[in-house]
PDB file of N, CA and C in Angstrom:
ATOM      1  N   MET A   1     -43.952  39.013 -34.501  1.00  0.00           N
ATOM      2  CA  MET A   1     -42.772  38.021 -34.320  1.00  0.00           C
ATOM      3  C   MET A   1     -43.498  36.695 -34.459  1.00  0.00           C
ATOM      4  N   LEU A   2     -42.914  35.915 -35.461  1.00  0.00           N
ATOM      5  CA  LEU A   2     -43.363  34.325 -35.568  1.00  0.00           C
ATOM      6  C   LEU A   2     -42.575  33.661 -34.635  1.00  0.00           C
ATOM      7  N   ILE A   3     -43.070  32.560 -33.822  1.00  0.00           N
ATOM      8  CA  ILE A   3     -42.341  31.833 -33.242  1.00  0.00           C
ATOM      9  C   ILE A   3     -42.402  30.496 -33.944  1.00  0.00           C
ATOM     10  N   VAL A   4     -40.918  29.925 -34.434  1.00  0.00           N
ATOM     11  CA  VAL A   4     -40.749  28.604 -34.846  1.00  0.00           C
ATOM     12  C   VAL A   4     -40.361  27.660 -33.946  1.00  0.00           C
ATOM     13  N   THR A   5     -40.915  26.701 -33.523  1.00  0.00           N
ATOM     14  CA  THR A   5     -40.641  25.714 -32.678  1.00  0.00           C
ATOM     15  C   THR A   5     -40.470  24.340 -33.155  1.00  0.00           C
ATOM     16  N   VAL A   6     -39.384  23.886 -32.860  1.00  0.00           N
ATOM     17  CA  VAL A   6     -39.118  22.316 -33.003  1.00  0.00           C
ATOM     18  C   VAL A   6     -39.160  21.666 -31.560  1.00  0.00           C
ATOM     19  N   ILE A   7     -39.763  20.474 -31.648  1.00  0.00           N
ATOM     20  CA  ILE A   7     -39.977  19.683 -30.464  1.00  0.00           C
ATOM     21  C   ILE A   7     -39.338  18.408 -30.853  1.00  0.00           C
ATOM     22  N   LYS A   8     -38.472  18.072 -30.031  1.00  0.00           N
ATOM     23  CA  LYS A   8     -37.699  16.928 -30.278  1.00  0.00           C
ATOM     24  C   LYS A   8     -37.530  16.097 -29.030  1.00  0.00           C
ATOM     25  N   SER A   9     -37.268  14.777 -29.298  1.00  0.00           N
ATOM     26  CA  SER A   9     -37.434  13.815 -28.396  1.00  0.00           C
ATOM     27  C   SER A   9     -36.295  13.982 -27.284  1.00  0.00           C
ATOM     28  N   PRO A  10     -36.558  13.642 -25.979  1.00  0.00           N
ATOM     29  CA  PRO A  10     -35.635  13.620 -25.029  1.00  0.00           C
ATOM     30  C   PRO A  10     -34.595  12.644 -25.219  1.00  0.00           C
ATOM     31  N   SER A  11     -34.729  11.474 -26.088  1.00  0.00           N
ATOM     32  CA  SER A  11     -33.589  10.388 -26.206  1.00  0.00           C
ATOM     33  C   SER A  11     -32.909  11.208 -27.346  1.00  0.00           C
ATOM     34  N   LYS A  12     -31.647  10.259 -27.781  1.00  0.00           N
ATOM     35  CA  LYS A  12     -30.877  10.505 -28.775  1.00  0.00           C
ATOM     36  C   LYS A  12     -32.003  10.187 -30.025  1.00  0.00           C
ATOM     37  N   CYS A  13     -31.855  11.055 -30.927  1.00  0.00           N
ATOM     38  CA  CYS A  13     -32.821  11.186 -32.270  1.00  0.00           C
ATOM     39  C   CYS A  13     -32.059  11.765 -33.487  1.00  0.00           C
ATOM     40  N   ALA A  14     -31.752  11.100 -34.348  1.00  0.00           N
ATOM     41  CA  ALA A  14     -30.986  11.693 -35.517  1.00  0.00           C
ATOM     42  C   ALA A  14     -31.789  12.649 -36.213  1.00  0.00           C
ATOM     43  N   THR A  15     -32.973  12.200 -36.620  1.00  0.00           N
ATOM     44  CA  THR A  15     -34.079  12.970 -37.304  1.00  0.00           C
ATOM     45  C   THR A  15     -34.383  14.249 -36.647  1.00  0.00           C
ATOM     46  N   CYS A  16     -34.524  14.206 -35.248  1.00  0.00           N
ATOM     47  CA  CYS A  16     -34.847  15.337 -34.352  1.00  0.00           C
ATOM     48  C   CYS A  16     -33.562  16.391 -34.558  1.00  0.00           C
ATOM     49  N   SER A  17     -32.394  15.750 -34.314  1.00  0.00           N
ATOM     50  CA  SER A  17     -31.129  17.040 -34.619  1.00  0.00           C
ATOM     51  C   SER A  17     -30.948  17.363 -35.995  1.00  0.00           C
ATOM     52  N   GLU A  18     -31.179  16.719 -37.053  1.00  0.00           N
ATOM     53  CA  GLU A  18     -31.472  17.107 -38.399  1.00  0.00           C
ATOM     54  C   GLU A  18     -32.324  18.251 -38.550  1.00  0.00           C
ATOM     55  N   THR A  19     -33.482  17.910 -38.115  1.00  0.00           N
ATOM     56  CA  THR A  19     -34.581  18.946 -38.266  1.00  0.00           C
ATOM     57  C   THR A  19     -34.284  20.363 -37.246  1.00  0.00           C
ATOM     58  N   GLU A  20     -33.951  20.167 -36.081  1.00  0.00           N
ATOM     59  CA  GLU A  20     -33.378  21.446 -35.618  1.00  0.00           C
ATOM     60  C   GLU A  20     -32.471  22.120 -36.239  1.00  0.00           C
ATOM     61  N   GLN A  21     -31.430  21.633 -36.541  1.00  0.00           N
ATOM     62  CA  GLN A  21     -30.304  22.388 -37.373  1.00  0.00           C
ATOM     63  C   GLN A  21     -30.993  22.963 -38.579  1.00  0.00           C
ATOM     64  N   LEU A  22     -31.596  22.134 -39.386  1.00  0.00           N
ATOM     65  CA  LEU A  22     -32.174  22.597 -40.593  1.00  0.00           C
ATOM     66  C   LEU A  22     -33.095  23.786 -40.303  1.00  0.00           C
ATOM     67  N   VAL A  23     -33.961  23.819 -39.318  1.00  0.00           N
ATOM     68  CA  VAL A  23     -35.061  24.891 -39.228  1.00  0.00           C
ATOM     69  C   VAL A  23     -34.333  26.121 -38.363  1.00  0.00           C
ATOM     70  N   GLU A  24     -33.428  25.955 -37.520  1.00  0.00           N
ATOM     71  CA  GLU A  24     -32.681  27.010 -37.047  1.00  0.00           C
ATOM     72  C   GLU A  24     -31.832  27.732 -38.098  1.00  0.00           C
ATOM     73  N   GLU A  25     -31.422  27.040 -38.914  1.00  0.00           N
ATOM     74  CA  GLU A  25     -30.601  27.808 -40.211  1.00  0.00           C
ATOM     75  C   GLU A  25     -31.552  28.588 -41.082  1.00  0.00           C
ATOM     76  N   ILE A  26     -32.629  28.089 -41.223  1.00  0.00           N
ATOM     77  CA  ILE A  26     -33.974  28.549 -42.031  1.00  0.00           C
ATOM     78  C   ILE A  26     -34.310  29.756 -41.298  1.00  0.00           C
ATOM     79  N   SER A  27     -34.390  29.830 -40.315  1.00  0.00           N
ATOM     80  CA  SER A  27     -35.020  30.935 -39.082  1.00  0.00           C
ATOM     81  C   SER A  27     -34.138  32.131 -39.430  1.00  0.00           C
ATOM     82  N   LYS A  28     -32.776  31.883 -39.471  1.00  0.00           N
ATOM     83  CA  LYS A  28     -31.811  32.982 -39.457  1.00  0.00           C
ATOM     84  C   LYS A  28     -32.187  33.794 -40.618  1.00  0.00           C
ATOM     85  N   LYS A  29     -32.778  33.383 -41.738  1.00  0.00           N
ATOM     86  CA  LYS A  29     -32.983  34.102 -42.826  1.00  0.00           C
ATOM     87  C   LYS A  29     -33.914  35.239 -42.629  1.00  0.00           C
ATOM     88  N   PHE A  30     -34.703  35.176 -41.358  1.00  0.00           N
ATOM     89  CA  PHE A  30     -35.777  36.136 -41.203  1.00  0.00           C
ATOM     90  C   PHE A  30     -35.487  36.993 -40.117  1.00  0.00           C
ATOM     91  N   PRO A  31     -34.271  37.496 -40.005  1.00  0.00           N
ATOM     92  CA  PRO A  31     -33.891  38.209 -38.474  1.00  0.00           C
ATOM     93  C   PRO A  31     -35.018  39.360 -38.007  1.00  0.00           C
ATOM     94  N   GLY A  32     -35.216  39.200 -36.820  1.00  0.00           N
ATOM     95  CA  GLY A  32     -36.495  40.384 -36.507  1.00  0.00           C
ATOM     96  C   GLY A  32     -37.893  39.871 -36.771  1.00  0.00           C
ATOM     97  N   ASN A  33     -38.011  38.875 -37.550  1.00  0.00           N
ATOM     98  CA  ASN A  33     -39.321  38.520 -38.094  1.00  0.00           C
ATOM     99  C   ASN A  33     -39.426  37.051 -37.142  1.00  0.00           C
ATOM    100  N   VAL A  34     -38.653  36.282 -36.987  1.00  0.00           N
ATOM    101  CA  VAL A  34     -38.848  34.960 -36.664  1.00  0.00           C
ATOM    102  C   VAL A  34     -38.095  34.576 -35.422  1.00  0.00           C
ATOM    103  N   GLU A  35     -38.684  33.795 -34.296  1.00  0.00           N
ATOM    104  CA  GLU A  35     -37.792  33.730 -33.049  1.00  0.00           C
ATOM    105  C   GLU A  35     -37.963  32.101 -33.167  1.00  0.00           C
ATOM    106  N   PHE A  36     -36.616  31.729 -33.078  1.00  0.00           N
ATOM    107  CA  PHE A  36     -36.505  30.055 -33.170  1.00  0.00           C
ATOM    108  C   PHE A  36     -36.319  29.642 -31.660  1.00  0.00           C
ATOM    109  N   ARG A  37     -37.146  28.446 -31.502  1.00  0.00           N
ATOM    110  CA  ARG A  37     -36.993  27.837 -30.033  1.00  0.00           C
ATOM    111  C   ARG A  37     -37.190  26.178 -30.074  1.00  0.00           C
ATOM    112  N   VAL A  38     -36.415  25.587 -29.450  1.00  0.00           N
ATOM    113  CA  VAL A  38     -36.259  24.122 -29.408  1.00  0.00           C
ATOM    114  C   VAL A  38     -36.981  23.631 -27.876  1.00  0.00           C
ATOM    115  N   ILE A  39     -37.914  22.791 -27.659  1.00  0.00           N
ATOM    116  CA  ILE A  39     -38.224  22.294 -26.726  1.00  0.00           C
ATOM    117  C   ILE A  39     -38.344  20.893 -26.885  1.00  0.00           C
ATOM    118  N   THR A  40     -38.211  20.159 -25.375  1.00  0.00           N
ATOM    119  CA  THR A  40     -38.125  18.753 -25.346  1.00  0.00           C
ATOM    120  C   THR A  40     -39.625  18.021 -25.194  1.00  0.00           C
ATOM    121  N   ASN A  41     -39.979  17.129 -25.898  1.00  0.00           N
ATOM    122  CA  ASN A  41     -41.166  16.262 -25.725  1.00  0.00           C
ATOM    123  C   ASN A  41     -41.360  16.072 -24.489  1.00  0.00           C
ATOM    124  N   GLY A  42     -42.429  16.102 -23.719  1.00  0.00           N
ATOM    125  CA  GLY A  42     -42.696  15.786 -22.540  1.00  0.00           C
ATOM    126  C   GLY A  42     -42.554  16.583 -21.370  1.00  0.00           C
ATOM    127  N   THR A  43     -42.081  17.797 -21.774  1.00  0.00           N
ATOM    128  CA  THR A  43     -41.884  18.869 -20.880  1.00  0.00           C
ATOM    129  C   THR A  43     -43.414  19.594 -20.646  1.00  0.00           C
ATOM    130  N   PRO A  44     -43.652  20.355 -19.895  1.00  0.00           N
ATOM    131  CA  PRO A  44     -44.999  21.536 -19.912  1.00  0.00           C
ATOM    132  C   PRO A  44     -44.980  22.008 -20.967  1.00  0.00           C
ATOM    133  N   GLU A  45     -43.999  22.717 -21.603  1.00  0.00           N
ATOM    134  CA  GLU A  45     -44.120  23.642 -22.713  1.00  0.00           C
ATOM    135  C   GLU A  45     -44.575  22.697 -23.897  1.00  0.00           C
ATOM    136  N   SER A  46     -44.243  21.447 -24.105  1.00  0.00           N
ATOM    137  CA  SER A  46     -44.571  20.536 -25.123  1.00  0.00           C
ATOM    138  C   SER A  46     -45.999  20.433 -25.119  1.00  0.00           C
ATOM    139  N   LYS A  47     -46.608  20.051 -24.054  1.00  0.00           N
ATOM    140  CA  LYS A  47     -48.033  19.826 -23.693  1.00  0.00           C
ATOM    141  C   LYS A  47     -48.861  20.666 -24.618  1.00  0.00           C
ATOM    142  N   GLU A  48     -48.817  21.872 -24.619  1.00  0.00           N
ATOM    143  CA  GLU A  48     -49.522  22.805 -25.247  1.00  0.00           C
ATOM    144  C   GLU A  48     -49.864  22.421 -26.682  1.00  0.00           C
ATOM    145  N   PHE A  49     -49.177  21.525 -27.195  1.00  0.00           N
ATOM    146  CA  PHE A  49     -49.325  20.966 -28.729  1.00  0.00           C
ATOM    147  C   PHE A  49     -49.936  19.786 -28.584  1.00  0.00           C
ATOM    148  N   GLY A  50     -50.185  19.178 -27.512  1.00  0.00           N
ATOM    149  CA  GLY A  50     -51.231  18.144 -27.501  1.00  0.00           C
ATOM    150  C   GLY A  50     -50.158  16.635 -27.620  1.00  0.00           C
ATOM    151  N   LEU A  51     -50.775  15.660 -28.005  1.00  0.00           N
ATOM    152  CA  LEU A  51     -49.890  14.190 -28.331  1.00  0.00           C
ATOM    153  C   LEU A  51     -49.328  14.449 -29.396  1.00  0.00           C
ATOM    154  N   ILE A  52     -48.107  14.235 -29.537  1.00  0.00           N
ATOM    155  CA  ILE A  52     -47.367  14.443 -30.812  1.00  0.00           C
ATOM    156  C   ILE A  52     -46.102  13.241 -30.905  1.00  0.00           C
ATOM    157  N   SER A  53     -45.794  13.408 -32.103  1.00  0.00           N
ATOM    158  CA  SER A  53     -44.736  12.215 -32.353  1.00  0.00           C
ATOM    159  C   SER A  53     -43.603  13.129 -32.997  1.00  0.00           C
ATOM    160  N   THR A  54     -42.432  13.033 -32.299  1.00  0.00           N
ATOM    161  CA  THR A  54     -41.279  13.884 -32.660  1.00  0.00           C
ATOM    162  C   THR A  54     -40.514  13.393 -34.333  1.00  0.00           C
ATOM    163  N   PRO A  55     -39.753  14.196 -34.683  1.00  0.00           N
ATOM    164  CA  PRO A  55     -39.635  15.798 -34.403  1.00  0.00           C
ATOM    165  C   PRO A  55     -40.949  16.399 -34.981  1.00  0.00           C
ATOM    166  N   VAL A  56     -41.352  17.688 -34.163  1.00  0.00           N
ATOM    167  CA  VAL A  56     -42.393  18.464 -34.623  1.00  0.00           C
ATOM    168  C   VAL A  56     -41.854  19.896 -35.145  1.00  0.00           C
ATOM    169  N   VAL A  57     -42.506  20.348 -36.170  1.00  0.00           N
ATOM    170  CA  VAL A  57     -42.193  21.765 -36.732  1.00  0.00           C
ATOM    171  C   VAL A  57     -43.347  22.335 -36.379  1.00  0.00           C
ATOM    172  N   ALA A  58     -43.438  23.484 -35.395  1.00  0.00           N
ATOM    173  CA  ALA A  58     -44.624  24.277 -35.594  1.00  0.00           C
ATOM    174  C   ALA A  58     -44.265  25.845 -35.620  1.00  0.00           C
ATOM    175  N   LEU A  59     -45.300  26.488 -36.230  1.00  0.00           N
ATOM    176  CA  LEU A  59     -45.120  27.943 -36.487  1.00  0.00           C
ATOM    177  C   LEU A  59     -46.307  28.645 -35.802  1.00  0.00           C
ATOM    178  N   GLY A  60     -46.021  29.537 -34.754  1.00  0.00           N
ATOM    179  CA  GLY A  60     -46.905  29.750 -33.756  1.00  0.00           C
ATOM    180  C   GLY A  60     -47.627  28.658 -33.309  1.00  0.00           C
ATOM    181  N   LYS A  61     -48.807  28.509 -33.071  1.00  0.00           N
ATOM    182  CA  LYS A  61     -49.377  27.129 -32.314  1.00  0.00           C
ATOM    183  C   LYS A  61     -49.891  26.165 -33.289  1.00  0.00           C
ATOM    184  N   LYS A  62     -49.414  26.309 -34.654  1.00  0.00           N
ATOM    185  CA  LYS A  62     -49.841  25.445 -35.847  1.00  0.00           C
ATOM    186  C   LYS A  62     -48.674  24.375 -36.002  1.00  0.00           C
ATOM    187  N   ILE A  63     -49.304  23.284 -36.061  1.00  0.00           N
ATOM    188  CA  ILE A  63     -48.184  22.057 -36.414  1.00  0.00           C
ATOM    189  C   ILE A  63     -48.146  21.857 -37.711  1.00  0.00           C
ATOM    190  N   TYR A  64     -46.998  21.905 -38.614  1.00  0.00           N
ATOM    191  CA  TYR A  64     -46.826  21.889 -39.976  1.00  0.00           C
ATOM    192  C   TYR A  64     -46.103  20.394 -40.246  1.00  0.00           C
ATOM    193  N   SER A  65     -45.327  19.914 -39.263  1.00  0.00           N
ATOM    194  CA  SER A  65     -44.712  18.699 -39.584  1.00  0.00           C
ATOM    195  C   SER A  65     -44.718  17.996 -38.455  1.00  0.00           C
ATOM    196  N   MET A  66     -44.855  16.615 -38.501  1.00  0.00           N
ATOM    197  CA  MET A  66     -44.804  15.750 -37.288  1.00  0.00           C
ATOM    198  C   MET A  66     -44.327  14.320 -37.565  1.00  0.00           C
ATOM    199  N   GLY A  67     -43.345  13.866 -36.754  1.00  0.00           N
ATOM    200  CA  GLY A  67     -42.882  12.585 -37.136  1.00  0.00           C
ATOM    201  C   GLY A  67     -42.126  12.216 -38.310  1.00  0.00           C
ATOM    202  N   LYS A  68     -41.661  13.192 -38.917  1.00  0.00           N
ATOM    203  CA  LYS A  68     -40.781  12.630 -40.059  1.00  0.00           C
ATOM    204  C   LYS A  68     -39.861  14.032 -40.595  1.00  0.00           C
ATOM    205  N   PRO A  69     -38.918  13.534 -41.142  1.00  0.00           N
ATOM    206  CA  PRO A  69     -38.171  14.509 -41.633  1.00  0.00           C
ATOM    207  C   PRO A  69     -38.677  15.936 -42.454  1.00  0.00           C
ATOM    208  N   VAL A  70     -37.919  16.980 -42.519  1.00  0.00           N
ATOM    209  CA  VAL A  70     -38.714  18.039 -43.289  1.00  0.00           C
ATOM    210  C   VAL A  70     -37.471  18.359 -44.353  1.00  0.00           C
ATOM    211  N   ILE A  71     -38.254  19.081 -45.518  1.00  0.00           N
ATOM    212  CA  ILE A  71     -37.463  19.685 -46.712  1.00  0.00           C
ATOM    213  C   ILE A  71     -37.407  20.941 -46.494  1.00  0.00           C
ATOM    214  N   LYS A  72     -36.197  21.717 -46.630  1.00  0.00           N
ATOM    215  CA  LYS A  72     -35.762  22.763 -46.394  1.00  0.00           C
ATOM    216  C   LYS A  72     -36.593  23.812 -47.307  1.00  0.00           C
ATOM    217  N   GLU A  73     -36.942  23.518 -48.427  1.00  0.00           N
ATOM    218  CA  GLU A  73     -37.804  24.557 -49.061  1.00  0.00           C
ATOM    219  C   GLU A  73     -39.134  24.803 -48.528  1.00  0.00           C
ATOM    220  N   LYS A  74     -39.742  23.557 -48.089  1.00  0.00           N
ATOM    221  CA  LYS A  74     -41.031  23.504 -47.579  1.00  0.00           C
ATOM    222  C   LYS A  74     -41.113  24.431 -46.400  1.00  0.00           C
ATOM    223  N   VAL A  75     -40.005  24.487 -45.729  1.00  0.00           N
ATOM    224  CA  VAL A  75     -39.799  24.860 -44.159  1.00  0.00           C
ATOM    225  C   VAL A  75     -39.911  26.551 -44.510  1.00  0.00           C
ATOM    226  N   GLU A  76     -39.056  26.969 -45.610  1.00  0.00           N
ATOM    227  CA  GLU A  76     -38.884  28.152 -45.792  1.00  0.00           C
ATOM    228  C   GLU A  76     -40.400  28.714 -46.367  1.00  0.00           C
ATOM    229  N   GLY A  77     -41.110  27.984 -47.237  1.00  0.00           N
ATOM    230  CA  GLY A  77     -42.251  28.260 -47.755  1.00  0.00           C
ATOM    231  C   GLY A  77     -43.526  28.465 -46.465  1.00  0.00           C
ATOM    232  N   TRP A  78     -43.318  27.388 -45.529  1.00  0.00           N
ATOM    233  CA  TRP A  78     -44.223  27.859 -44.413  1.00  0.00           C
ATOM    234  C   TRP A  78     -43.963  28.859 -43.673  1.00  0.00           C
ATOM    235  N   ILE A  79     -42.850  29.460 -43.430  1.00  0.00           N
ATOM    236  CA  ILE A  79     -42.543  30.736 -42.808  1.00  0.00           C
ATOM    237  C   ILE A  79     -42.934  32.021 -43.528  1.00  0.00           C
ATOM    238  N   LYS A  80     -42.635  31.827 -44.789  1.00  0.00           N
ATOM    239  CA  LYS A  80     -42.943  32.952 -45.758  1.00  0.00           C
ATOM    240  C   LYS A  80     -44.479  33.034 -45.693  1.00  0.00           C
ATOM    241  N   LYS A  81     -45.320  32.087 -45.781  1.00  0.00           N
ATOM    242  CA  LYS A  81     -46.731  32.049 -45.866  1.00  0.00           C
ATOM    243  C   LYS A  81     -47.078  32.610 -44.395  1.00  0.00           C
ATOM    244  N   GLU A  82     -46.661  32.363 -43.475  1.00  0.00           N
ATOM    245  CA  GLU A  82     -47.164  32.690 -42.120  1.00  0.00           C
ATOM    246  C   GLU A  82     -46.782  33.975 -41.936  1.00  0.00           C
ATOM    247  N   LEU A  83     -45.565  34.523 -42.293  1.00  0.00           N
ATOM    248  CA  LEU A  83     -45.447  36.084 -42.252  1.00  0.00           C
ATOM    249  C   LEU A  83     -46.356  37.004 -42.975  1.00  0.00           C
ATOM    250  N   ALA A  84     -46.696  36.292 -44.245  1.00  0.00           N
ATOM    251  CA  ALA A  84     -47.725  37.181 -45.079  1.00  0.00           C
ATOM    252  C   ALA A  84     -48.997  37.249 -44.614  1.00  0.00           C
ATOM    253  N   ALA A  85     -49.483  36.329 -43.719  1.00  0.00           N
ATOM    254  CA  ALA A  85     -50.617  36.158 -43.336  1.00  0.00           C
ATOM    255  C   ALA A  85     -51.083  37.406 -42.274  1.00  0.00           C
TER     256      ALA A  85
END
């Protein structure tokens, strides 16, 4: 099971919200293979990723995107790559 995590800002952040919605939608294309989760920056859970700039998209423990909007096709490609590994 691949864990796909979005780390968002504790304050209002349009890019974080857009990233969360997009990654959740893509994760649903892989039922049984992907677990989607959202955590808030500054929480103990987020500290395992080190110092970050939100939004973050991580697959497993590897950060694929930080501090910028993501592109749907790229996220889907990242997930397929990790599932094939």
